[in-house]
Amino acid sequence: MSDNALEKRVPSMIKEKGQYLLAFGIIVSMLAVTNIPFLVIFFFGVFAFFLIKTFTGGSKSDNRDIFEFYLSANEILRDDDRRWFGFELRETIDRGENIVRRMTAAPPLVFFALGALYSKLGEHKAAVKYLSRVVERPESDESAYVYPTPELRQYVRVLRRIEREPADAPLTSAAIRSLERARKLRATTLLEDNRTKFSAGELSPGQVAAAQLDPSNAEESSVPLVYTEELVREDSSPGVERDPLSSKNLSTDQGDHHGDPFSNRKPITELLHDIYDKNAR
């Protein structure tokens, strides 16, 4: 389905209500044919109505998720020198992604907030994906939503009530105004900046950290390699013995013992030979 197919089809709310009325009419007709009293039919009708309202009443909680996402996104994107952990950004992004997956026609402000959050996280490809949808695609403008879904209609109803009575929800109203202002002033610049960084192959902070922790990194493995080569070079030097219990080299060259008070002593074999000869006499 194309992106603007929603505007060209019959409104889904009319189709859903028509299906409910058709199913209710068939049930009433079947009950009437079996000579069931009208009072019982009326009871079942009221019971079915409450069941439908119960199972289709989740739009309010869905709308609450959207406005909570606006609050979190605006708090993170606000330039107040606060430092945010990566998992905080990721949790807010996941909340926005769930809204986009759940709604057939998510509000354009949700796409902008997602793109700005991805930009702050350093994931430029995802930022370009959402920001280009808001900036460069005319079907993503609010005026293109001619035939809304029930959840979008409910969202707009709550949004207009907040705009008319900002004192009822001051934080939510301020968050929406701030995001709309940022969308108007910064969306195009933010899109071009992320597109440039993505084309240049710039890594996100998470990708940089992963590359630094990669055990195959040549910079980390080069230090022990050089140290090992130096030890091999020292061990293979001629005329030098390596003491297994000490790091000092013991030279076999007699010139190295110059100044030793015992350097002129006789070898043990010659000394034993002299003693044997003396005793033999």
Protein backbone atom coordinates (compact mmCIF):
# COMPACT_ATOMS: atom_id res chain seq x y z
CA MET A 1 0.00 0.00 0.00
CA SER A 2 1.35 3.42 -0.88
CA ASP A 3 1.79 6.13 1.73
CA ASN A 4 -1.12 8.23 0.49
CA ALA A 5 -3.52 5.32 -0.01
CA LEU A 6 -5.09 6.21 3.32
CA GLU A 7 -6.48 9.44 1.93
CA LYS A 8 -7.98 7.77 -1.15
CA ARG A 9 -9.86 4.91 0.48
CA VAL A 10 -13.22 4.94 2.26
CA PRO A 11 -12.81 6.07 5.87
CA SER A 12 -12.13 3.05 8.02
CA MET A 13 -14.38 4.31 10.79
CA ILE A 14 -17.42 4.13 8.46
CA LYS A 15 -16.45 0.62 7.40
CA GLU A 16 -16.03 -0.54 10.99
CA LYS A 17 -19.36 0.90 12.08
CA GLY A 18 -21.03 -0.65 9.05
CA GLN A 19 -19.63 -4.04 9.97
CA TYR A 20 -20.88 -3.69 13.53
CA LEU A 21 -24.38 -2.70 12.37
CA LEU A 22 -24.48 -5.54 9.86
CA ALA A 23 -23.45 -8.11 12.46
CA PHE A 24 -25.96 -6.72 14.97
CA GLY A 25 -28.76 -6.84 12.38
CA ILE A 26 -28.02 -10.45 11.48
CA ILE A 27 -28.04 -11.50 15.14
CA VAL A 28 -31.34 -9.68 15.81
CA SER A 29 -32.92 -11.29 12.75
CA MET A 30 -31.84 -14.77 13.83
CA LEU A 31 -33.20 -14.24 17.33
CA ALA A 32 -36.49 -12.89 15.97
CA VAL A 33 -36.92 -15.89 13.64
CA THR A 34 -36.57 -18.29 16.57
CA ASN A 35 -39.48 -16.49 18.38
CA ILE A 36 -37.27 -15.17 21.19
CA PRO A 37 -39.00 -12.39 23.15
CA PHE A 38 -38.07 -8.83 22.28
CA LEU A 39 -36.96 -8.13 25.85
CA VAL A 40 -34.30 -10.84 25.60
CA ILE A 41 -33.15 -9.47 22.24
CA PHE A 42 -32.89 -6.00 23.76
CA PHE A 43 -30.84 -7.39 26.67
CA PHE A 44 -28.41 -9.11 24.32
CA GLY A 45 -28.16 -5.92 22.25
CA VAL A 46 -27.19 -3.83 25.26
CA PHE A 47 -24.70 -6.49 26.34
CA ALA A 48 -23.10 -6.53 22.87
CA PHE A 49 -22.89 -2.72 22.89
CA PHE A 50 -20.95 -2.69 26.15
CA LEU A 51 -18.64 -5.41 24.87
CA ILE A 52 -17.86 -3.36 21.76
CA LYS A 53 -17.17 -0.25 23.85
CA THR A 54 -14.91 -2.24 26.14
CA PHE A 55 -12.79 -3.74 23.37
CA THR A 56 -12.60 -0.54 21.32
CA GLY A 57 -11.91 1.80 24.23
CA GLY A 58 -8.11 1.50 24.04
CA SER A 59 -7.62 4.63 21.96
CA LYS A 60 -7.45 6.83 25.05
CA SER A 61 -4.53 4.86 26.46
CA ASP A 62 -2.92 4.86 23.02
CA ASN A 63 -3.20 8.64 22.89
CA ARG A 64 -1.73 8.88 26.36
CA ASP A 65 1.34 7.00 25.08
CA ILE A 66 1.77 9.56 22.30
CA PHE A 67 1.70 12.54 24.63
CA GLU A 68 4.01 10.83 27.12
CA PHE A 69 6.41 10.25 24.23
CA TYR A 70 6.24 13.98 23.43
CA LEU A 71 7.12 14.82 27.02
CA SER A 72 10.13 12.49 27.11
CA ALA A 73 11.39 13.49 23.66
CA ASN A 74 11.15 17.21 24.38
CA GLU A 75 12.96 16.78 27.69
CA ILE A 76 15.84 15.01 25.95
CA LEU A 77 16.01 17.29 22.92
CA ARG A 78 15.83 20.50 24.95
CA ASP A 79 19.19 22.28 24.92
CA ASP A 80 19.74 22.66 28.68
CA ASP A 81 23.24 21.11 29.02
CA ARG A 82 21.87 17.95 30.60
CA ARG A 83 23.67 14.69 29.84
CA TRP A 84 21.57 11.68 28.97
CA PHE A 85 22.54 8.03 29.09
CA GLY A 86 22.30 6.02 25.92
CA PHE A 87 19.72 3.64 27.35
CA GLU A 88 17.44 6.61 28.19
CA LEU A 89 17.50 7.72 24.56
CA ARG A 90 16.98 4.14 23.42
CA GLU A 91 13.94 3.64 25.66
CA THR A 92 12.32 6.84 24.40
CA ILE A 93 13.05 5.86 20.79
CA ASP A 94 11.51 2.42 21.36
CA ARG A 95 8.37 4.11 22.68
CA GLY A 96 8.11 6.21 19.54
CA GLU A 97 8.78 3.20 17.31
CA ASN A 98 5.93 1.32 19.00
CA ILE A 99 3.59 4.22 18.26
CA VAL A 100 4.59 4.22 14.58
CA ARG A 101 4.10 0.46 14.31
CA ARG A 102 0.75 0.52 16.10
CA MET A 103 -0.88 3.46 14.31
CA THR A 104 -1.82 3.23 10.67
CA ALA A 105 -1.32 6.99 10.33
CA ALA A 106 0.96 8.32 13.05
CA PRO A 107 1.15 12.12 13.53
CA PRO A 108 4.00 13.84 11.67
CA LEU A 109 5.32 15.26 14.94
CA VAL A 110 6.07 11.70 16.09
CA PHE A 111 8.26 11.15 13.02
CA PHE A 112 10.14 14.41 13.61
CA ALA A 113 10.75 13.60 17.28
CA LEU A 114 12.05 10.15 16.32
CA GLY A 115 14.39 11.62 13.71
CA ALA A 116 15.74 14.19 16.17
CA LEU A 117 16.29 11.52 18.82
CA TYR A 118 18.15 9.29 16.38
CA SER A 119 20.28 12.30 15.43
CA LYS A 120 21.16 12.94 19.07
CA LEU A 121 22.04 9.26 19.48
CA GLY A 122 24.34 9.46 16.43
CA GLU A 123 22.43 6.98 14.25
CA HIS A 124 22.37 9.11 11.12
CA LYS A 125 20.75 6.60 8.77
CA ALA A 126 17.62 6.26 10.92
CA ALA A 127 17.58 10.03 11.47
CA VAL A 128 17.59 10.65 7.71
CA LYS A 129 14.79 8.10 7.27
CA TYR A 130 12.38 9.87 9.63
CA LEU A 131 13.41 13.46 9.00
CA SER A 132 13.17 13.09 5.22
CA ARG A 133 9.65 11.76 5.65
CA VAL A 134 8.66 14.93 7.48
CA VAL A 135 10.62 17.45 5.38
CA GLU A 136 10.57 16.12 1.82
CA ARG A 137 7.33 14.14 1.49
CA PRO A 138 4.19 16.26 1.09
CA GLU A 139 1.89 13.39 2.01
CA SER A 140 3.31 13.50 5.55
CA ASP A 141 1.95 17.00 6.15
CA GLU A 142 -1.07 17.32 8.42
CA SER A 143 -3.20 18.76 5.59
CA ALA A 144 -2.84 15.49 3.64
CA TYR A 145 -4.69 13.47 6.31
CA VAL A 146 -8.18 13.82 4.89
CA TYR A 147 -9.68 10.49 5.98
CA PRO A 148 -8.41 9.77 9.53
CA THR A 149 -8.47 6.51 11.41
CA PRO A 150 -10.43 6.41 14.70
CA GLU A 151 -7.26 6.57 16.77
CA LEU A 152 -5.98 9.57 14.81
CA ARG A 153 -9.33 11.32 15.23
CA GLN A 154 -9.21 10.68 18.95
CA TYR A 155 -5.62 11.97 19.09
CA VAL A 156 -6.59 15.19 17.32
CA ARG A 157 -9.55 15.65 19.65
CA VAL A 158 -7.28 15.44 22.70
CA LEU A 159 -4.65 17.66 21.02
CA ARG A 160 -7.16 20.44 20.30
CA ARG A 161 -8.46 20.29 23.85
CA ILE A 162 -4.90 20.71 25.15
CA GLU A 163 -4.32 23.64 22.80
CA ARG A 164 -7.55 25.34 23.85
CA GLU A 165 -7.00 24.75 27.56
CA PRO A 166 -3.21 24.64 28.09
CA ALA A 167 -3.67 25.13 31.85
CA ASP A 168 -5.19 21.64 32.10
CA ALA A 169 -1.95 20.06 30.86
CA PRO A 170 0.78 22.74 30.96
CA LEU A 171 3.78 20.41 30.59
CA THR A 172 2.27 18.54 27.66
CA SER A 173 1.23 21.78 25.99
CA ALA A 174 4.73 23.24 26.40
CA ALA A 175 6.32 20.06 25.05
CA ILE A 176 4.12 20.05 21.94
CA ARG A 177 4.82 23.74 21.23
CA SER A 178 8.55 23.23 21.69
CA LEU A 179 8.65 20.23 19.35
CA GLU A 180 6.57 22.04 16.73
CA ARG A 181 8.91 25.05 16.92
CA ALA A 182 11.97 22.82 16.53
CA ARG A 183 10.32 21.05 13.60
CA LYS A 184 9.67 24.37 11.86
CA LEU A 185 13.10 25.89 12.49
CA ARG A 186 15.52 22.94 12.53
CA ALA A 187 14.05 20.03 10.59
CA THR A 188 15.68 20.89 7.25
CA THR A 189 19.06 21.74 8.78
CA LEU A 190 18.99 18.61 10.92
CA LEU A 191 18.20 16.48 7.88
CA GLU A 192 21.08 17.88 5.81
CA ASP A 193 23.51 17.54 8.70
CA ASN A 194 22.66 13.88 9.26
CA ARG A 195 22.72 13.18 5.54
CA THR A 196 26.22 14.65 5.31
CA LYS A 197 27.48 12.68 8.30
CA PHE A 198 25.93 9.46 6.99
CA SER A 199 27.55 9.97 3.57
CA ALA A 200 30.91 10.60 5.27
CA GLY A 201 30.58 7.35 7.20
CA GLU A 202 30.73 8.97 10.61
CA LEU A 203 30.22 6.44 13.44
CA SER A 204 27.87 6.86 16.33
CA PRO A 205 29.25 6.93 19.90
CA GLY A 206 27.98 3.39 20.44
CA GLN A 207 29.74 2.16 17.32
CA VAL A 208 32.98 3.90 18.36
CA ALA A 209 32.83 2.25 21.79
CA ALA A 210 32.21 -1.14 20.20
CA ALA A 211 35.19 -0.66 17.88
CA GLN A 212 37.42 0.25 20.82
CA LEU A 213 36.37 -2.89 22.70
CA ASP A 214 36.93 -5.14 19.65
CA PRO A 215 39.71 -7.65 20.50
CA SER A 216 40.81 -7.66 16.86
CA ASN A 217 41.84 -4.02 17.12
CA ALA A 218 45.37 -3.66 15.79
CA GLU A 219 46.32 -0.85 18.14
CA GLU A 220 45.69 -3.01 21.21
CA SER A 221 47.42 -6.11 19.86
CA SER A 222 50.51 -4.22 18.61
CA VAL A 223 51.87 -3.48 22.10
CA PRO A 224 52.29 -7.06 23.35
CA LEU A 225 53.54 -8.05 19.89
CA VAL A 226 56.40 -5.53 20.01
CA TYR A 227 57.22 -6.49 23.58
CA THR A 228 57.41 -10.16 22.62
CA GLU A 229 59.66 -9.40 19.66
CA GLU A 230 62.05 -7.49 21.92
CA LEU A 231 62.26 -10.40 24.34
CA VAL A 232 62.99 -12.84 21.52
CA ARG A 233 65.64 -10.51 20.16
CA GLU A 234 67.33 -10.29 23.59
CA ASP A 235 67.18 -14.05 24.14
CA SER A 236 68.78 -14.71 20.77
CA SER A 237 71.75 -12.33 21.30
CA PRO A 238 75.13 -14.18 21.09
CA GLY A 239 77.22 -14.60 24.23
CA VAL A 240 74.32 -13.92 26.61
CA GLU A 241 72.59 -16.38 28.90
CA ARG A 242 69.16 -15.75 30.41
CA ASP A 243 68.90 -16.59 34.12
CA PRO A 244 65.56 -18.34 34.63
CA LEU A 245 65.16 -16.80 38.12
CA SER A 246 66.36 -13.29 37.36
CA SER A 247 65.83 -10.64 34.71
CA LYS A 248 69.57 -9.84 34.61
CA ASN A 249 71.79 -11.16 31.85
CA LEU A 250 74.83 -13.22 32.82
CA SER A 251 77.63 -12.80 30.24
CA THR A 252 79.95 -15.70 29.45
CA ASP A 253 82.70 -13.37 28.28
CA GLN A 254 85.55 -13.18 30.83
CA GLY A 255 86.09 -9.55 30.04
CA ASP A 256 82.80 -8.84 31.77
CA HIS A 257 84.31 -9.98 35.13
CA HIS A 258 87.00 -7.27 35.17
CA GLY A 259 87.37 -5.94 38.70
CA ASP A 260 85.99 -9.12 40.31
CA PRO A 261 88.29 -10.10 43.30
CA PHE A 262 87.81 -13.78 42.41
CA SER A 263 88.40 -13.39 38.74
CA ASN A 264 92.01 -14.86 38.97
CA ARG A 265 91.12 -18.00 40.89
CA LYS A 266 91.95 -21.37 39.33
CA PRO A 267 89.40 -23.70 37.96
CA ILE A 268 88.30 -26.50 40.27
CA THR A 269 89.94 -29.20 38.11
CA GLU A 270 93.39 -27.53 38.25
CA LEU A 271 93.09 -26.97 41.98
CA LEU A 272 92.27 -30.65 42.60
CA HIS A 273 95.15 -31.67 40.38
CA ASP A 274 97.65 -29.56 42.44
CA ILE A 275 96.35 -30.99 45.73
CA TYR A 276 96.60 -34.55 44.39
CA ASP A 277 100.17 -34.00 43.22
CA LYS A 278 101.18 -32.48 46.59
CA ASN A 279 99.75 -35.41 48.52
CA ALA A 280 101.42 -37.85 46.13
CA ARG A 281 104.82 -36.53 47.06
